[in-house]
Amino acid sequence: MIRFLPQLDTPRGNLVRYDTPVFAGFKASVSWGEDDFWDVAIRHARKLGDFRLAFGAGYYENREESAFTFGWPQGGDNDPTGSRGNTVIRDLKGSASVIHDPTGLFASAAYVHREYAGSDHGVLTFACFSSGDAAGIRASGIACGNRPDFDYFWVSGGIKQQFFAIGRTTLYGEYAHSEDAVGGLNVSVRSAAGGDIDFVTESEMNIWGLGIVQNISAAGMDVFFSYRNFSADVSGLESSGRRVTAPIEVADIFFAGSRIRF
């Protein structure tokens, strides 16, 4: 399932960053590093009566001269390990949250839009590769090109209140949707006839979940439990040109643990 959520946050690395002073609740930042990625962002937070609001938006561009897999499976004729020094990845991101202090009701949302350009194998579709299967895909009428745009959005809502003397309790639900994370790739899917799809034409994943976080104020600790349901569908072409649909088995994941903030 991790291939349907390819690197949603900014990569870690060596960089320089400048943050502006806060003006009327607004703060901007810009960073550059790792030869060569850069980003710009703006954030804002304010209180309106009983409501507290916060949002942020940013643009990120990566032209680092290395091969980025971003969901490509490793090994075989579909492993984009070689680099031509021409990777271009552009992200537009944003998020917003609001909470009503008297009731503790809150809502949050986030969105990521990614575009691929350049000639590294990591940002190209399988139709650009040199294998026999890739040649069959081209013979089926699929031209070599960059991977399709990737889109992801997430929403969450819940309530945060002190139901118990030990500390505040947070109850929440969430939903997320991933679109075209593996579009244009050559992937192995057991539910597909023959065990693989040589060229993915459509892919999506849906996530929904529930959770609870209990704060223990005397210990500075949060105890949490959450559940997430993952479902995905992939369709595409075999090298012969035959269309294949491959629903992926639903996954259920439970998380439990604690956190102490210093």
C-alpha atoms as a PDB file:
ATOM      1  CA  MET A   1       0.000   0.000   0.000  1.00  0.00           C
ATOM      2  CA  ILE A   2       2.950   2.347   0.546  1.00  0.00           C
ATOM      3  CA  ARG A   3       3.305   2.754  -3.248  1.00  0.00           C
ATOM      4  CA  PHE A   4      -0.082   4.509  -3.301  1.00  0.00           C
ATOM      5  CA  LEU A   5       1.271   7.174  -0.897  1.00  0.00           C
ATOM      6  CA  PRO A   6       4.663   8.087  -2.400  1.00  0.00           C
ATOM      7  CA  GLN A   7       6.644  10.524  -0.224  1.00  0.00           C
ATOM      8  CA  LEU A   8       3.931  12.986   0.773  1.00  0.00           C
ATOM      9  CA  ASP A   9       6.187  15.187   2.884  1.00  0.00           C
ATOM     10  CA  THR A  10       9.290  17.158   1.861  1.00  0.00           C
ATOM     11  CA  PRO A  11      12.463  15.010   1.726  1.00  0.00           C
ATOM     12  CA  ARG A  12      14.939  15.300   4.591  1.00  0.00           C
ATOM     13  CA  GLY A  13      18.357  16.658   3.683  1.00  0.00           C
ATOM     14  CA  ASN A  14      20.949  19.383   4.057  1.00  0.00           C
ATOM     15  CA  LEU A  15      19.427  22.766   3.305  1.00  0.00           C
ATOM     16  CA  VAL A  16      19.319  26.431   4.182  1.00  0.00           C
ATOM     17  CA  ARG A  17      16.024  28.036   5.200  1.00  0.00           C
ATOM     18  CA  TYR A  18      14.722  31.495   5.990  1.00  0.00           C
ATOM     19  CA  ASP A  19      11.536  32.226   7.955  1.00  0.00           C
ATOM     20  CA  THR A  20      10.071  35.708   7.937  1.00  0.00           C
ATOM     21  CA  PRO A  21       8.807  37.411  11.085  1.00  0.00           C
ATOM     22  CA  VAL A  22       5.107  36.918  11.825  1.00  0.00           C
ATOM     23  CA  PHE A  23       3.010  39.762  10.437  1.00  0.00           C
ATOM     24  CA  ALA A  24      -0.755  39.909  11.082  1.00  0.00           C
ATOM     25  CA  GLY A  25      -0.668  36.186  11.749  1.00  0.00           C
ATOM     26  CA  PHE A  26       1.130  35.377   8.474  1.00  0.00           C
ATOM     27  CA  LYS A  27       4.560  33.758   8.187  1.00  0.00           C
ATOM     28  CA  ALA A  28       6.472  32.833   5.030  1.00  0.00           C
ATOM     29  CA  SER A  29       9.472  30.564   4.510  1.00  0.00           C
ATOM     30  CA  VAL A  30      11.829  29.596   1.715  1.00  0.00           C
ATOM     31  CA  SER A  31      14.479  26.860   1.584  1.00  0.00           C
ATOM     32  CA  TRP A  32      17.066  25.413  -0.814  1.00  0.00           C
ATOM     33  CA  GLY A  33      19.437  22.465  -0.598  1.00  0.00           C
ATOM     34  CA  GLU A  34      20.751  19.073  -1.691  1.00  0.00           C
ATOM     35  CA  ASP A  35      21.641  20.241  -5.201  1.00  0.00           C
ATOM     36  CA  ASP A  36      18.921  20.885  -6.113  1.00  0.00           C
ATOM     37  CA  PHE A  37      15.526  21.229  -4.438  1.00  0.00           C
ATOM     38  CA  TRP A  38      13.734  24.306  -3.178  1.00  0.00           C
ATOM     39  CA  ASP A  39      10.365  25.250  -1.723  1.00  0.00           C
ATOM     40  CA  VAL A  40       8.331  28.229  -0.596  1.00  0.00           C
ATOM     41  CA  ALA A  41       5.441  28.270   1.868  1.00  0.00           C
ATOM     42  CA  ILE A  42       3.074  30.596   3.683  1.00  0.00           C
ATOM     43  CA  ARG A  43       1.266  29.904   6.953  1.00  0.00           C
ATOM     44  CA  HIS A  44      -1.414  31.742   8.882  1.00  0.00           C
ATOM     45  CA  ALA A  45      -3.095  31.260  12.261  1.00  0.00           C
ATOM     46  CA  ARG A  46      -5.669  33.384  14.037  1.00  0.00           C
ATOM     47  CA  LYS A  47      -8.554  33.355  16.495  1.00  0.00           C
ATOM     48  CA  LEU A  48     -12.049  34.460  15.461  1.00  0.00           C
ATOM     49  CA  GLY A  49     -14.377  34.545  18.429  1.00  0.00           C
ATOM     50  CA  ASP A  50     -14.755  30.988  19.691  1.00  0.00           C
ATOM     51  CA  PHE A  51     -12.904  29.562  16.685  1.00  0.00           C
ATOM     52  CA  ARG A  52      -9.174  29.042  16.083  1.00  0.00           C
ATOM     53  CA  LEU A  53      -8.054  28.740  12.453  1.00  0.00           C
ATOM     54  CA  ALA A  54      -4.767  27.707  10.840  1.00  0.00           C
ATOM     55  CA  PHE A  55      -3.762  27.027   7.249  1.00  0.00           C
ATOM     56  CA  GLY A  56      -0.692  26.686   5.107  1.00  0.00           C
ATOM     57  CA  ALA A  57       0.185  26.345   1.419  1.00  0.00           C
ATOM     58  CA  GLY A  58       3.441  25.684  -0.359  1.00  0.00           C
ATOM     59  CA  TYR A  59       5.221  24.851  -3.609  1.00  0.00           C
ATOM     60  CA  TYR A  60       8.104  22.377  -3.847  1.00  0.00           C
ATOM     61  CA  GLU A  61      10.391  21.602  -6.797  1.00  0.00           C
ATOM     62  CA  ASN A  62      13.029  18.877  -6.925  1.00  0.00           C
ATOM     63  CA  ARG A  63      15.681  18.821  -9.677  1.00  0.00           C
ATOM     64  CA  GLU A  64      18.171  16.671  -7.812  1.00  0.00           C
ATOM     65  CA  GLU A  65      20.335  14.669 -10.233  1.00  0.00           C
ATOM     66  CA  SER A  66      19.469  11.188  -9.022  1.00  0.00           C
ATOM     67  CA  ALA A  67      16.898   8.509  -9.853  1.00  0.00           C
ATOM     68  CA  PHE A  68      13.696   8.799  -7.841  1.00  0.00           C
ATOM     69  CA  THR A  69      11.555   5.668  -7.681  1.00  0.00           C
ATOM     70  CA  PHE A  70       8.347   7.151  -6.175  1.00  0.00           C
ATOM     71  CA  GLY A  71       6.571   3.796  -6.057  1.00  0.00           C
ATOM     72  CA  TRP A  72       8.488   1.902  -8.735  1.00  0.00           C
ATOM     73  CA  PRO A  73       8.939  -1.757  -7.704  1.00  0.00           C
ATOM     74  CA  GLN A  74      12.564  -2.841  -7.416  1.00  0.00           C
ATOM     75  CA  GLY A  75      14.262  -5.457  -9.607  1.00  0.00           C
ATOM     76  CA  GLY A  76      13.816  -6.858 -13.109  1.00  0.00           C
ATOM     77  CA  ASP A  77      13.245  -4.797 -16.214  1.00  0.00           C
ATOM     78  CA  ASN A  78      11.168  -2.240 -14.327  1.00  0.00           C
ATOM     79  CA  ASP A  79      13.812  -0.982 -11.896  1.00  0.00           C
ATOM     80  CA  PRO A  80      14.622   2.704 -12.628  1.00  0.00           C
ATOM     81  CA  THR A  81      18.005   2.703 -10.876  1.00  0.00           C
ATOM     82  CA  GLY A  82      19.861   4.552 -13.612  1.00  0.00           C
ATOM     83  CA  SER A  83      20.036   8.351 -13.565  1.00  0.00           C
ATOM     84  CA  ARG A  84      20.332  10.686 -16.529  1.00  0.00           C
ATOM     85  CA  GLY A  85      20.650  13.767 -14.334  1.00  0.00           C
ATOM     86  CA  ASN A  86      17.259  15.090 -15.375  1.00  0.00           C
ATOM     87  CA  THR A  87      14.636  14.600 -12.653  1.00  0.00           C
ATOM     88  CA  VAL A  88      11.920  17.236 -12.224  1.00  0.00           C
ATOM     89  CA  ILE A  89       9.229  16.805  -9.572  1.00  0.00           C
ATOM     90  CA  ARG A  90       6.807  19.599  -8.668  1.00  0.00           C
ATOM     91  CA  ASP A  91       4.444  19.527  -5.678  1.00  0.00           C
ATOM     92  CA  LEU A  92       1.666  21.914  -4.714  1.00  0.00           C
ATOM     93  CA  LYS A  93       0.485  21.314  -1.123  1.00  0.00           C
ATOM     94  CA  GLY A  94      -1.953  22.829   1.305  1.00  0.00           C
ATOM     95  CA  SER A  95      -3.694  22.140   4.609  1.00  0.00           C
ATOM     96  CA  ALA A  96      -6.172  23.838   6.937  1.00  0.00           C
ATOM     97  CA  SER A  97      -7.656  23.228  10.395  1.00  0.00           C
ATOM     98  CA  VAL A  98     -10.377  24.774  12.538  1.00  0.00           C
ATOM     99  CA  ILE A  99     -11.487  24.113  16.124  1.00  0.00           C
ATOM    100  CA  HIS A 100     -14.424  25.460  18.126  1.00  0.00           C
ATOM    101  CA  ASP A 101     -13.058  25.986  21.646  1.00  0.00           C
ATOM    102  CA  PRO A 102     -16.278  25.734  23.706  1.00  0.00           C
ATOM    103  CA  THR A 103     -17.337  22.388  22.195  1.00  0.00           C
ATOM    104  CA  GLY A 104     -13.961  21.005  21.143  1.00  0.00           C
ATOM    105  CA  LEU A 105     -15.298  20.138  17.673  1.00  0.00           C
ATOM    106  CA  PHE A 106     -12.594  20.294  15.005  1.00  0.00           C
ATOM    107  CA  ALA A 107     -11.956  19.597  11.315  1.00  0.00           C
ATOM    108  CA  SER A 108      -8.817  19.370   9.171  1.00  0.00           C
ATOM    109  CA  ALA A 109      -8.042  18.853   5.486  1.00  0.00           C
ATOM    110  CA  ALA A 110      -4.924  18.493   3.327  1.00  0.00           C
ATOM    111  CA  TYR A 111      -4.173  18.190  -0.410  1.00  0.00           C
ATOM    112  CA  VAL A 112      -1.131  17.279  -2.536  1.00  0.00           C
ATOM    113  CA  HIS A 113      -0.819  17.644  -6.327  1.00  0.00           C
ATOM    114  CA  ARG A 114       2.371  16.297  -7.964  1.00  0.00           C
ATOM    115  CA  GLU A 115       3.678  16.633 -11.523  1.00  0.00           C
ATOM    116  CA  TYR A 116       6.569  14.746 -13.134  1.00  0.00           C
ATOM    117  CA  ALA A 117       8.943  15.988 -15.841  1.00  0.00           C
ATOM    118  CA  GLY A 118      12.449  15.197 -17.080  1.00  0.00           C
ATOM    119  CA  SER A 119      14.017  12.073 -18.586  1.00  0.00           C
ATOM    120  CA  ASP A 120      15.110   9.962 -15.594  1.00  0.00           C
ATOM    121  CA  HIS A 121      13.450   6.550 -15.543  1.00  0.00           C
ATOM    122  CA  GLY A 122      11.890   7.340 -12.161  1.00  0.00           C
ATOM    123  CA  VAL A 123       9.693  10.059 -13.723  1.00  0.00           C
ATOM    124  CA  LEU A 124       8.896   8.189 -16.966  1.00  0.00           C
ATOM    125  CA  THR A 125       6.264   5.575 -17.714  1.00  0.00           C
ATOM    126  CA  PHE A 126       7.119   1.960 -18.488  1.00  0.00           C
ATOM    127  CA  ALA A 127       6.497   2.672 -22.198  1.00  0.00           C
ATOM    128  CA  CYS A 128       9.885   4.447 -22.228  1.00  0.00           C
ATOM    129  CA  PHE A 129      11.850   1.383 -21.083  1.00  0.00           C
ATOM    130  CA  SER A 130      13.914  -0.891 -23.344  1.00  0.00           C
ATOM    131  CA  SER A 131      12.524  -4.317 -22.358  1.00  0.00           C
ATOM    132  CA  GLY A 132      10.432  -6.576 -24.563  1.00  0.00           C
ATOM    133  CA  ASP A 133       7.323  -5.948 -22.471  1.00  0.00           C
ATOM    134  CA  ALA A 134       7.806  -2.188 -22.830  1.00  0.00           C
ATOM    135  CA  ALA A 135       8.093  -2.615 -26.604  1.00  0.00           C
ATOM    136  CA  GLY A 136       4.789  -4.500 -26.534  1.00  0.00           C
ATOM    137  CA  ILE A 137       3.172  -1.617 -24.650  1.00  0.00           C
ATOM    138  CA  ARG A 138       4.395   0.836 -27.288  1.00  0.00           C
ATOM    139  CA  ALA A 139       3.061  -1.475 -30.012  1.00  0.00           C
ATOM    140  CA  SER A 140      -0.333  -1.255 -28.258  1.00  0.00           C
ATOM    141  CA  GLY A 141      -0.397   2.481 -28.920  1.00  0.00           C
ATOM    142  CA  ILE A 142       1.034   3.822 -25.635  1.00  0.00           C
ATOM    143  CA  ALA A 143       3.645   6.499 -26.327  1.00  0.00           C
ATOM    144  CA  CYS A 144       6.687   7.145 -24.125  1.00  0.00           C
ATOM    145  CA  GLY A 145       6.068  10.032 -21.733  1.00  0.00           C
ATOM    146  CA  ASN A 146       6.211  11.281 -18.169  1.00  0.00           C
ATOM    147  CA  ARG A 147       4.174   9.683 -15.430  1.00  0.00           C
ATOM    148  CA  PRO A 148       0.658  11.112 -14.942  1.00  0.00           C
ATOM    149  CA  ASP A 149      -0.038  13.679 -12.243  1.00  0.00           C
ATOM    150  CA  PHE A 150      -0.553  12.320  -8.728  1.00  0.00           C
ATOM    151  CA  ASP A 151      -3.309  13.667  -6.442  1.00  0.00           C
ATOM    152  CA  TYR A 152      -3.996  12.992  -2.773  1.00  0.00           C
ATOM    153  CA  PHE A 153      -6.456  14.509  -0.327  1.00  0.00           C
ATOM    154  CA  TRP A 154      -7.259  13.852   3.338  1.00  0.00           C
ATOM    155  CA  VAL A 155     -10.012  15.055   5.673  1.00  0.00           C
ATOM    156  CA  SER A 156     -10.538  14.481   9.378  1.00  0.00           C
ATOM    157  CA  GLY A 157     -12.969  15.611  12.051  1.00  0.00           C
ATOM    158  CA  GLY A 158     -13.768  14.936  15.664  1.00  0.00           C
ATOM    159  CA  ILE A 159     -14.051  16.300  19.172  1.00  0.00           C
ATOM    160  CA  LYS A 160     -11.509  17.158  21.877  1.00  0.00           C
ATOM    161  CA  GLN A 161     -12.912  17.495  25.393  1.00  0.00           C
ATOM    162  CA  GLN A 162     -12.000  16.729  29.002  1.00  0.00           C
ATOM    163  CA  PHE A 163     -14.436  13.918  29.728  1.00  0.00           C
ATOM    164  CA  PHE A 164     -12.176  12.526  32.480  1.00  0.00           C
ATOM    165  CA  ALA A 165     -10.174  14.223  35.238  1.00  0.00           C
ATOM    166  CA  ILE A 166      -6.852  12.754  34.021  1.00  0.00           C
ATOM    167  CA  GLY A 167      -6.825  14.863  30.853  1.00  0.00           C
ATOM    168  CA  ARG A 168      -8.447  15.647  27.533  1.00  0.00           C
ATOM    169  CA  THR A 169      -9.835  12.953  25.233  1.00  0.00           C
ATOM    170  CA  THR A 170      -9.776  13.252  21.441  1.00  0.00           C
ATOM    171  CA  LEU A 171     -12.134  11.186  19.263  1.00  0.00           C
ATOM    172  CA  TYR A 172     -11.741  11.442  15.490  1.00  0.00           C
ATOM    173  CA  GLY A 173     -12.539   9.950  12.111  1.00  0.00           C
ATOM    174  CA  GLU A 174     -10.620  10.368   8.861  1.00  0.00           C
ATOM    175  CA  TYR A 175     -10.807   9.691   5.121  1.00  0.00           C
ATOM    176  CA  ALA A 176      -8.150   9.899   2.380  1.00  0.00           C
ATOM    177  CA  HIS A 177      -8.026   9.248  -1.357  1.00  0.00           C
ATOM    178  CA  SER A 178      -4.985   8.658  -3.593  1.00  0.00           C
ATOM    179  CA  GLU A 179      -5.249   8.944  -7.382  1.00  0.00           C
ATOM    180  CA  ASP A 180      -2.745   7.751 -10.038  1.00  0.00           C
ATOM    181  CA  ALA A 181       0.094   7.044  -7.605  1.00  0.00           C
ATOM    182  CA  VAL A 182       1.259   4.096  -9.756  1.00  0.00           C
ATOM    183  CA  GLY A 183      -0.069   5.282 -13.115  1.00  0.00           C
ATOM    184  CA  GLY A 184       2.226   4.338 -15.982  1.00  0.00           C
ATOM    185  CA  LEU A 185       4.183   1.803 -13.922  1.00  0.00           C
ATOM    186  CA  ASN A 186       4.840  -1.904 -14.431  1.00  0.00           C
ATOM    187  CA  VAL A 187       3.660  -3.622 -11.244  1.00  0.00           C
ATOM    188  CA  SER A 188       3.145  -7.125  -9.897  1.00  0.00           C
ATOM    189  CA  VAL A 189      -0.441  -7.662  -8.695  1.00  0.00           C
ATOM    190  CA  ARG A 190      -1.452 -11.172  -7.627  1.00  0.00           C
ATOM    191  CA  SER A 191      -5.114 -10.525  -8.372  1.00  0.00           C
ATOM    192  CA  ALA A 192      -4.300  -9.772 -12.033  1.00  0.00           C
ATOM    193  CA  ALA A 193      -4.287 -12.524 -14.648  1.00  0.00           C
ATOM    194  CA  GLY A 194      -0.700 -13.654 -15.108  1.00  0.00           C
ATOM    195  CA  GLY A 195       0.426 -11.982 -11.885  1.00  0.00           C
ATOM    196  CA  ASP A 196       1.324  -8.555 -13.234  1.00  0.00           C
ATOM    197  CA  ILE A 197       0.182  -5.485 -15.119  1.00  0.00           C
ATOM    198  CA  ASP A 198       2.701  -4.294 -17.667  1.00  0.00           C
ATOM    199  CA  PHE A 199       1.276  -0.769 -17.853  1.00  0.00           C
ATOM    200  CA  VAL A 200      -1.035   0.758 -15.229  1.00  0.00           C
ATOM    201  CA  THR A 201      -3.664   3.019 -16.803  1.00  0.00           C
ATOM    202  CA  GLU A 202      -5.703   3.761 -13.651  1.00  0.00           C
ATOM    203  CA  SER A 203      -5.049   3.373  -9.928  1.00  0.00           C
ATOM    204  CA  GLU A 204      -6.691   4.613  -6.756  1.00  0.00           C
ATOM    205  CA  MET A 205      -6.669   3.948  -3.039  1.00  0.00           C
ATOM    206  CA  ASN A 206      -9.190   4.868  -0.355  1.00  0.00           C
ATOM    207  CA  ILE A 207      -8.465   5.040   3.374  1.00  0.00           C
ATOM    208  CA  TRP A 208     -10.848   5.529   6.258  1.00  0.00           C
ATOM    209  CA  GLY A 209     -10.154   5.299   9.937  1.00  0.00           C
ATOM    210  CA  LEU A 210     -11.184   5.990  13.523  1.00  0.00           C
ATOM    211  CA  GLY A 211      -9.110   6.797  16.570  1.00  0.00           C
ATOM    212  CA  ILE A 212      -8.929   7.924  20.168  1.00  0.00           C
ATOM    213  CA  VAL A 213      -6.191   9.804  22.022  1.00  0.00           C
ATOM    214  CA  GLN A 214      -6.286  10.076  25.822  1.00  0.00           C
ATOM    215  CA  ASN A 215      -4.061  12.654  27.448  1.00  0.00           C
ATOM    216  CA  ILE A 216      -2.664  11.977  30.943  1.00  0.00           C
ATOM    217  CA  SER A 217      -1.703  15.493  31.965  1.00  0.00           C
ATOM    218  CA  ALA A 218       0.130  14.531  35.197  1.00  0.00           C
ATOM    219  CA  ALA A 219       2.568  12.384  33.191  1.00  0.00           C
ATOM    220  CA  GLY A 220       2.742  14.596  30.106  1.00  0.00           C
ATOM    221  CA  MET A 221       1.668  11.513  28.148  1.00  0.00           C
ATOM    222  CA  ASP A 222      -0.747  10.665  25.342  1.00  0.00           C
ATOM    223  CA  VAL A 223      -2.127   7.128  24.989  1.00  0.00           C
ATOM    224  CA  PHE A 224      -3.600   6.381  21.558  1.00  0.00           C
ATOM    225  CA  PHE A 225      -5.456   3.707  19.622  1.00  0.00           C
ATOM    226  CA  SER A 226      -6.498   3.889  15.980  1.00  0.00           C
ATOM    227  CA  TYR A 227      -7.840   1.768  13.129  1.00  0.00           C
ATOM    228  CA  ARG A 228      -7.395   2.269   9.383  1.00  0.00           C
ATOM    229  CA  ASN A 229      -8.956   0.468   6.424  1.00  0.00           C
ATOM    230  CA  PHE A 230      -7.098   0.485   3.082  1.00  0.00           C
ATOM    231  CA  SER A 231      -8.687  -0.506  -0.242  1.00  0.00           C
ATOM    232  CA  ALA A 232      -7.218  -0.093  -3.724  1.00  0.00           C
ATOM    233  CA  ASP A 233      -7.961  -0.846  -7.379  1.00  0.00           C
ATOM    234  CA  VAL A 234      -5.557  -1.054 -10.302  1.00  0.00           C
ATOM    235  CA  SER A 235      -6.259  -1.544 -14.003  1.00  0.00           C
ATOM    236  CA  GLY A 236      -4.047  -1.527 -17.059  1.00  0.00           C
ATOM    237  CA  LEU A 237      -2.594  -3.409 -20.001  1.00  0.00           C
ATOM    238  CA  GLU A 238      -0.588  -6.560 -20.554  1.00  0.00           C
ATOM    239  CA  SER A 239       2.224  -6.307 -23.109  1.00  0.00           C
ATOM    240  CA  SER A 240      -0.115  -8.017 -25.588  1.00  0.00           C
ATOM    241  CA  GLY A 241      -2.502  -5.060 -25.322  1.00  0.00           C
ATOM    242  CA  ARG A 242      -5.115  -6.998 -23.337  1.00  0.00           C
ATOM    243  CA  ARG A 243      -6.867  -4.942 -20.659  1.00  0.00           C
ATOM    244  CA  VAL A 244      -6.617  -6.248 -17.085  1.00  0.00           C
ATOM    245  CA  THR A 245      -8.384  -5.196 -13.872  1.00  0.00           C
ATOM    246  CA  ALA A 246      -6.830  -6.101 -10.528  1.00  0.00           C
ATOM    247  CA  PRO A 247      -8.694  -5.279  -7.312  1.00  0.00           C
ATOM    248  CA  ILE A 248      -6.323  -5.427  -4.353  1.00  0.00           C
ATOM    249  CA  GLU A 249      -7.189  -7.171  -1.101  1.00  0.00           C
ATOM    250  CA  VAL A 250      -8.455  -4.856   1.636  1.00  0.00           C
ATOM    251  CA  ALA A 251      -6.012  -4.225   4.499  1.00  0.00           C
ATOM    252  CA  ASP A 252      -6.972  -3.465   8.107  1.00  0.00           C
ATOM    253  CA  ILE A 253      -4.355  -1.884  10.379  1.00  0.00           C
ATOM    254  CA  PHE A 254      -4.541  -1.208  14.115  1.00  0.00           C
ATOM    255  CA  PHE A 255      -2.197   1.159  15.960  1.00  0.00           C
ATOM    256  CA  ALA A 256      -1.749   1.450  19.720  1.00  0.00           C
ATOM    257  CA  GLY A 257       0.903   3.144  21.837  1.00  0.00           C
ATOM    258  CA  SER A 258       1.869   6.108  23.944  1.00  0.00           C
ATOM    259  CA  ARG A 259       3.923   9.264  23.625  1.00  0.00           C
ATOM    260  CA  ILE A 260       5.643  11.447  26.201  1.00  0.00           C
ATOM    261  CA  ARG A 261       6.518  15.011  25.237  1.00  0.00           C
ATOM    262  CA  PHE A 262       9.646  16.518  26.786  1.00  0.00           C
END
